Protein backbone atom coordinates (compact mmCIF):
# COMPACT_ATOMS: atom_id res chain seq x y z
CA MET A 1 44.69 -10.93 6.07
CA ALA A 2 42.17 -12.07 8.52
CA VAL A 3 39.36 -9.67 9.62
CA SER A 4 37.51 -9.99 12.90
CA ILE A 5 35.37 -7.82 15.23
CA ASP A 6 36.67 -7.40 18.63
CA LEU A 7 33.94 -5.25 20.92
CA GLY A 8 35.79 -6.17 23.97
CA GLY A 9 35.44 -3.18 26.49
CA GLN A 10 32.67 -1.87 25.22
CA VAL A 11 29.31 -1.23 26.68
CA ALA A 12 26.06 -1.79 24.45
CA ILE A 13 22.43 -1.15 25.19
CA VAL A 14 19.87 -3.12 23.14
CA THR A 15 16.28 -2.03 23.65
CA GLY A 16 13.83 -4.87 23.27
CA GLY A 17 16.65 -7.41 23.37
CA ASN A 18 14.85 -10.04 25.36
CA ARG A 19 13.32 -11.63 21.89
CA GLY A 20 13.29 -12.15 18.31
CA LEU A 21 16.02 -9.89 16.19
CA GLY A 22 16.79 -7.89 19.37
CA PHE A 23 17.74 -10.98 21.01
CA ALA A 24 19.94 -12.02 17.99
CA ILE A 25 21.54 -8.90 18.20
CA ALA A 26 22.23 -8.90 21.82
CA GLU A 27 23.46 -12.20 21.80
CA THR A 28 25.72 -11.44 18.74
CA LEU A 29 27.51 -8.14 20.32
CA ALA A 30 28.16 -10.53 23.28
CA GLU A 31 29.97 -12.72 21.00
CA ALA A 32 31.91 -10.16 20.01
CA GLY A 33 33.10 -9.36 23.43
CA ALA A 34 30.99 -6.38 24.35
CA GLN A 35 29.25 -5.87 27.59
CA VAL A 36 25.29 -6.27 26.78
CA VAL A 37 22.62 -4.60 28.38
CA ILE A 38 19.27 -6.06 27.49
CA ILE A 39 16.35 -3.53 28.01
CA ALA A 40 12.61 -4.35 27.94
CA ARG A 41 9.59 -3.87 29.71
CA ASN A 42 9.17 -7.51 30.95
CA GLN A 43 11.39 -8.44 33.82
CA GLU A 44 10.60 -12.00 33.92
CA GLU A 45 11.49 -12.06 30.18
CA ASN A 46 14.48 -9.95 30.54
CA GLU A 47 16.31 -12.36 33.25
CA LYS A 48 15.72 -15.58 31.07
CA ALA A 49 17.22 -13.52 27.99
CA VAL A 50 20.22 -12.53 30.15
CA ALA A 51 20.39 -16.28 31.49
CA LYS A 52 20.93 -17.74 27.96
CA VAL A 53 23.55 -15.28 26.99
CA THR A 54 25.46 -15.55 30.48
CA SER A 55 25.09 -19.40 30.21
CA ARG A 56 27.73 -19.31 27.43
CA GLY A 57 30.23 -17.34 29.70
CA LEU A 58 29.34 -13.72 27.74
CA ARG A 59 28.75 -10.76 29.38
CA CYS A 60 25.28 -9.88 29.44
CA SER A 61 22.73 -7.56 32.15
CA GLY A 62 19.29 -6.70 32.06
CA VAL A 63 17.56 -3.44 32.77
CA SER A 64 13.67 -3.25 33.22
CA ALA A 65 12.41 -0.11 31.43
CA ASP A 66 9.19 0.83 29.07
CA VAL A 67 10.74 2.34 26.29
CA THR A 68 7.24 4.37 25.96
CA ASP A 69 7.79 5.94 29.08
CA THR A 70 10.58 9.08 28.93
CA VAL A 71 11.11 8.85 32.70
CA SER A 72 11.84 5.20 32.67
CA VAL A 73 14.21 5.79 29.60
CA GLN A 74 16.08 8.58 31.82
CA GLN A 75 16.17 6.22 34.81
CA ALA A 76 17.55 3.18 32.54
CA VAL A 77 19.92 5.15 30.82
CA GLY A 78 21.04 6.83 33.93
CA SER A 79 21.69 3.35 35.74
CA ILE A 80 23.77 2.15 32.93
CA LEU A 81 26.04 5.12 33.12
CA ASP A 82 26.39 5.02 36.75
CA GLN A 83 27.15 1.31 36.54
CA PHE A 84 29.37 1.20 33.35
CA GLY A 85 30.67 4.94 33.15
CA LYS A 86 29.81 4.81 29.39
CA ILE A 87 27.57 3.62 26.57
CA ASP A 88 29.86 2.94 23.23
CA ILE A 89 26.60 1.05 21.47
CA LEU A 90 22.79 1.76 21.37
CA VAL A 91 20.66 -0.64 19.24
CA ASN A 92 17.01 0.42 19.06
CA SER A 93 15.26 -2.99 18.37
CA ALA A 94 11.99 -2.43 20.39
CA GLY A 95 9.12 -2.52 18.41
CA VAL A 96 5.48 -3.42 17.84
CA ASP A 97 3.05 -3.83 14.90
CA ILE A 98 -0.70 -3.14 14.82
CA THR A 99 -2.16 -4.37 11.58
CA VAL A 100 -5.35 -2.43 11.02
CA PRO A 101 -7.35 -0.56 8.18
CA ALA A 102 -6.62 3.09 8.10
CA THR A 103 -10.24 3.61 8.65
CA GLU A 104 -10.54 1.66 11.72
CA ALA A 105 -7.48 2.76 13.28
CA THR A 106 -7.78 4.24 16.81
CA GLU A 107 -5.98 6.84 18.56
CA GLU A 108 -4.89 4.59 20.95
CA GLN A 109 -3.61 2.32 18.47
CA TRP A 110 -1.77 5.04 16.70
CA ARG A 111 -0.35 6.27 19.96
CA LYS A 112 1.01 2.76 20.98
CA ILE A 113 2.65 2.19 17.74
CA MET A 114 4.34 5.88 17.66
CA ASP A 115 5.21 5.74 21.21
CA THR A 116 7.18 2.55 21.10
CA ASN A 117 8.46 2.44 17.45
CA LEU A 118 9.57 6.34 17.21
CA LYS A 119 9.14 8.17 20.37
CA GLY A 120 10.90 5.50 22.51
CA ALA A 121 13.93 5.23 19.92
CA PHE A 122 14.44 9.08 20.01
CA PHE A 123 14.58 9.64 23.67
CA PHE A 124 16.82 6.59 24.02
CA CYS A 125 18.99 8.46 21.31
CA GLN A 126 18.68 11.45 22.65
CA LEU A 127 19.84 10.28 26.11
CA VAL A 128 22.31 8.19 25.29
CA GLY A 129 23.59 10.43 22.49
CA ARG A 130 24.38 13.27 24.89
CA SER A 131 26.86 10.93 26.86
CA MET A 132 28.42 9.86 23.47
CA VAL A 133 28.87 13.82 22.30
CA GLU A 134 30.81 14.43 25.42
CA ARG A 135 33.06 11.34 24.76
CA ARG A 136 33.19 12.31 21.20
CA LYS A 137 32.52 8.46 20.00
CA GLY A 138 29.45 6.38 19.55
CA LYS A 139 27.31 3.87 17.46
CA ILE A 140 23.68 3.86 17.14
CA VAL A 141 21.75 1.49 15.15
CA SER A 142 17.75 1.46 14.97
CA ILE A 143 15.80 -1.59 13.67
CA ALA A 144 12.85 -0.36 11.21
CA SER A 145 11.65 -2.41 8.13
CA ILE A 146 11.30 -2.75 4.62
CA LEU A 147 8.09 -0.92 5.47
CA SER A 148 9.78 2.15 5.52
CA GLN A 149 9.83 2.30 1.99
CA VAL A 150 7.68 -0.32 0.51
CA VAL A 151 3.74 -0.25 0.52
CA LYS A 152 1.42 -2.63 2.58
CA VAL A 153 -2.08 -2.58 2.95
CA ASN A 154 -3.50 -1.98 6.50
CA GLU A 155 0.07 -1.19 7.69
CA ALA A 156 0.03 2.61 7.58
CA LEU A 157 0.44 3.08 11.52
CA TYR A 158 3.51 0.77 11.37
CA GLY A 159 4.71 2.08 8.11
CA ALA A 160 4.61 5.86 9.06
CA SER A 161 6.60 4.91 12.62
CA LYS A 162 9.43 3.21 10.86
CA GLY A 163 9.57 5.88 7.81
CA GLY A 164 9.81 8.38 10.63
CA LEU A 165 12.40 6.30 12.65
CA VAL A 166 14.50 6.41 9.20
CA GLN A 167 14.46 10.15 8.60
CA MET A 168 14.98 10.81 12.47
CA SER A 169 18.13 8.74 12.25
CA ARG A 170 19.34 10.47 8.97
CA CYS A 171 18.96 13.92 10.67
CA LEU A 172 20.76 12.54 13.92
CA ALA A 173 23.70 11.23 11.63
CA ALA A 174 24.20 14.68 10.13
CA GLU A 175 24.02 16.31 13.45
CA TRP A 176 26.15 14.05 15.33
CA ALA A 177 28.76 13.53 12.56
CA PRO A 178 31.16 15.95 13.83
CA TYR A 179 31.23 14.13 17.33
CA ASN A 180 32.36 10.98 15.52
CA ILE A 181 29.09 9.53 16.18
CA ASN A 182 27.74 6.76 13.62
CA VAL A 183 23.81 6.67 13.21
CA ASN A 184 22.45 3.93 10.77
CA VAL A 185 19.40 2.11 10.27
CA ILE A 186 18.78 -1.64 9.41
CA SER A 187 15.59 -2.27 7.56
CA PRO A 188 14.60 -6.22 7.69
CA GLY A 189 12.58 -7.79 5.20
CA SER A 190 10.63 -11.12 5.59
CA VAL A 191 12.30 -12.45 9.22
CA PRO A 192 10.38 -14.93 11.14
CA THR A 193 10.16 -13.49 14.95
CA GLU A 194 7.42 -13.14 17.73
CA LEU A 195 6.38 -10.04 15.54
CA ASN A 196 4.81 -11.64 12.69
CA ARG A 197 5.16 -15.41 13.32
CA THR A 198 1.46 -15.79 13.39
CA TYR A 199 1.11 -13.91 10.15
CA LEU A 200 3.95 -16.03 8.76
CA SER A 201 2.34 -19.15 9.92
CA VAL A 202 -0.52 -18.91 7.51
CA GLU A 203 1.08 -20.53 4.06
CA GLU A 204 -0.95 -18.20 2.01
CA ASN A 205 1.02 -15.11 3.66
CA ARG A 206 4.10 -17.05 3.72
CA GLN A 207 4.00 -17.61 -0.41
CA ARG A 208 2.62 -14.05 -1.13
CA ASN A 209 6.00 -13.03 1.05
CA LEU A 210 8.27 -15.38 -1.03
CA ARG A 211 6.94 -14.39 -4.40
CA LYS A 212 8.30 -10.78 -3.64
CA ILE A 213 11.56 -11.91 -2.37
CA PRO A 214 14.29 -12.90 -5.53
CA MET A 215 16.45 -15.22 -3.27
CA GLY A 216 13.38 -16.96 -2.73
CA ARG A 217 13.55 -17.54 1.10
CA LEU A 218 12.71 -15.74 4.27
CA GLY A 219 15.41 -14.27 6.46
CA THR A 220 16.85 -15.13 9.87
CA PRO A 221 17.43 -12.88 12.80
CA ALA A 222 21.35 -13.99 12.41
CA GLU A 223 21.40 -12.54 9.37
CA ILE A 224 20.33 -9.02 10.55
CA ALA A 225 22.25 -9.43 13.54
CA GLY A 226 25.40 -9.90 11.35
CA VAL A 227 24.70 -6.57 9.92
CA ALA A 228 24.23 -4.62 13.25
CA LEU A 229 27.39 -6.34 14.12
CA PHE A 230 29.25 -4.75 11.04
CA LEU A 231 27.54 -1.14 11.69
CA VAL A 232 28.82 -1.22 15.28
CA SER A 233 32.12 -1.90 14.51
CA ASP A 234 35.26 0.28 13.12
CA LEU A 235 34.79 -1.63 9.97
CA ALA A 236 31.83 0.81 9.54
CA SER A 237 33.55 3.80 10.80
CA TYR A 238 32.72 5.85 7.80
CA VAL A 239 29.15 4.86 7.22
CA THR A 240 26.70 7.00 8.58
CA GLY A 241 22.88 8.37 7.83
CA GLN A 242 22.19 5.05 5.89
CA ASN A 243 19.20 2.66 5.68
CA ILE A 244 20.37 -0.64 4.91
CA PHE A 245 17.64 -3.22 3.45
CA VAL A 246 18.59 -6.75 4.70
CA ASP A 247 15.48 -8.22 2.80
CA GLY A 248 16.81 -10.76 -0.04
CA GLY A 249 16.14 -8.47 -2.45
CA TRP A 250 12.63 -7.50 -1.84
CA THR A 251 13.10 -3.72 -2.18
CA LEU A 252 14.33 -4.38 -5.99
CA GLY A 253 10.53 -4.38 -6.93
CA TRP A 254 11.30 -7.49 -9.27
């Protein structure tokens, strides 16, 4: 029996969708037929990302918004609802990492990470969730990290934000399950993107990561996007409150 995923007629928001994992997810959802709205702060980069997707005949638009600013989030969600009348899918992919020893971390660094990785995701969930509750239907996926579970030195701030994102999503999954809303998390392992490309360009760092991965290779954005596509599809209608590690086996702890 042939199995395919068709998101035709659905409206999907992808925060941080103008680059890295967010762009790979946005492109994949558009390929499956969704009307995708890329949300990110940089309007010029948004326009470039949207152009890449629409040049292939796919449906995609962009909205500039700062995920750390709740007023900006409200305006973005409101404009999308005004334009399309609904939001079927939300993917929280906007994220930032600051690698710093805990003894040297500043309040400003703490706030930047928490506001982007956790606060922004929550208020997008809240505002989009309200419309999903009314419609009694929706799919939410947030992008965390294996550092929501495993430990890495100098990543206390980032790890705390991603661990919080996982637990927040679990709470929302339970709260909104009666409304047929699925809330899940993807925790990628070592996948080269703009966020970590400088780190992985150092061969010692690259080899250190590879030694922890049973599959012996780094992941690709497309492999993360494939899991996101599954989670927002009807194939995952009975999956909620899960943190799915897409890490080549890193979290096996071998």
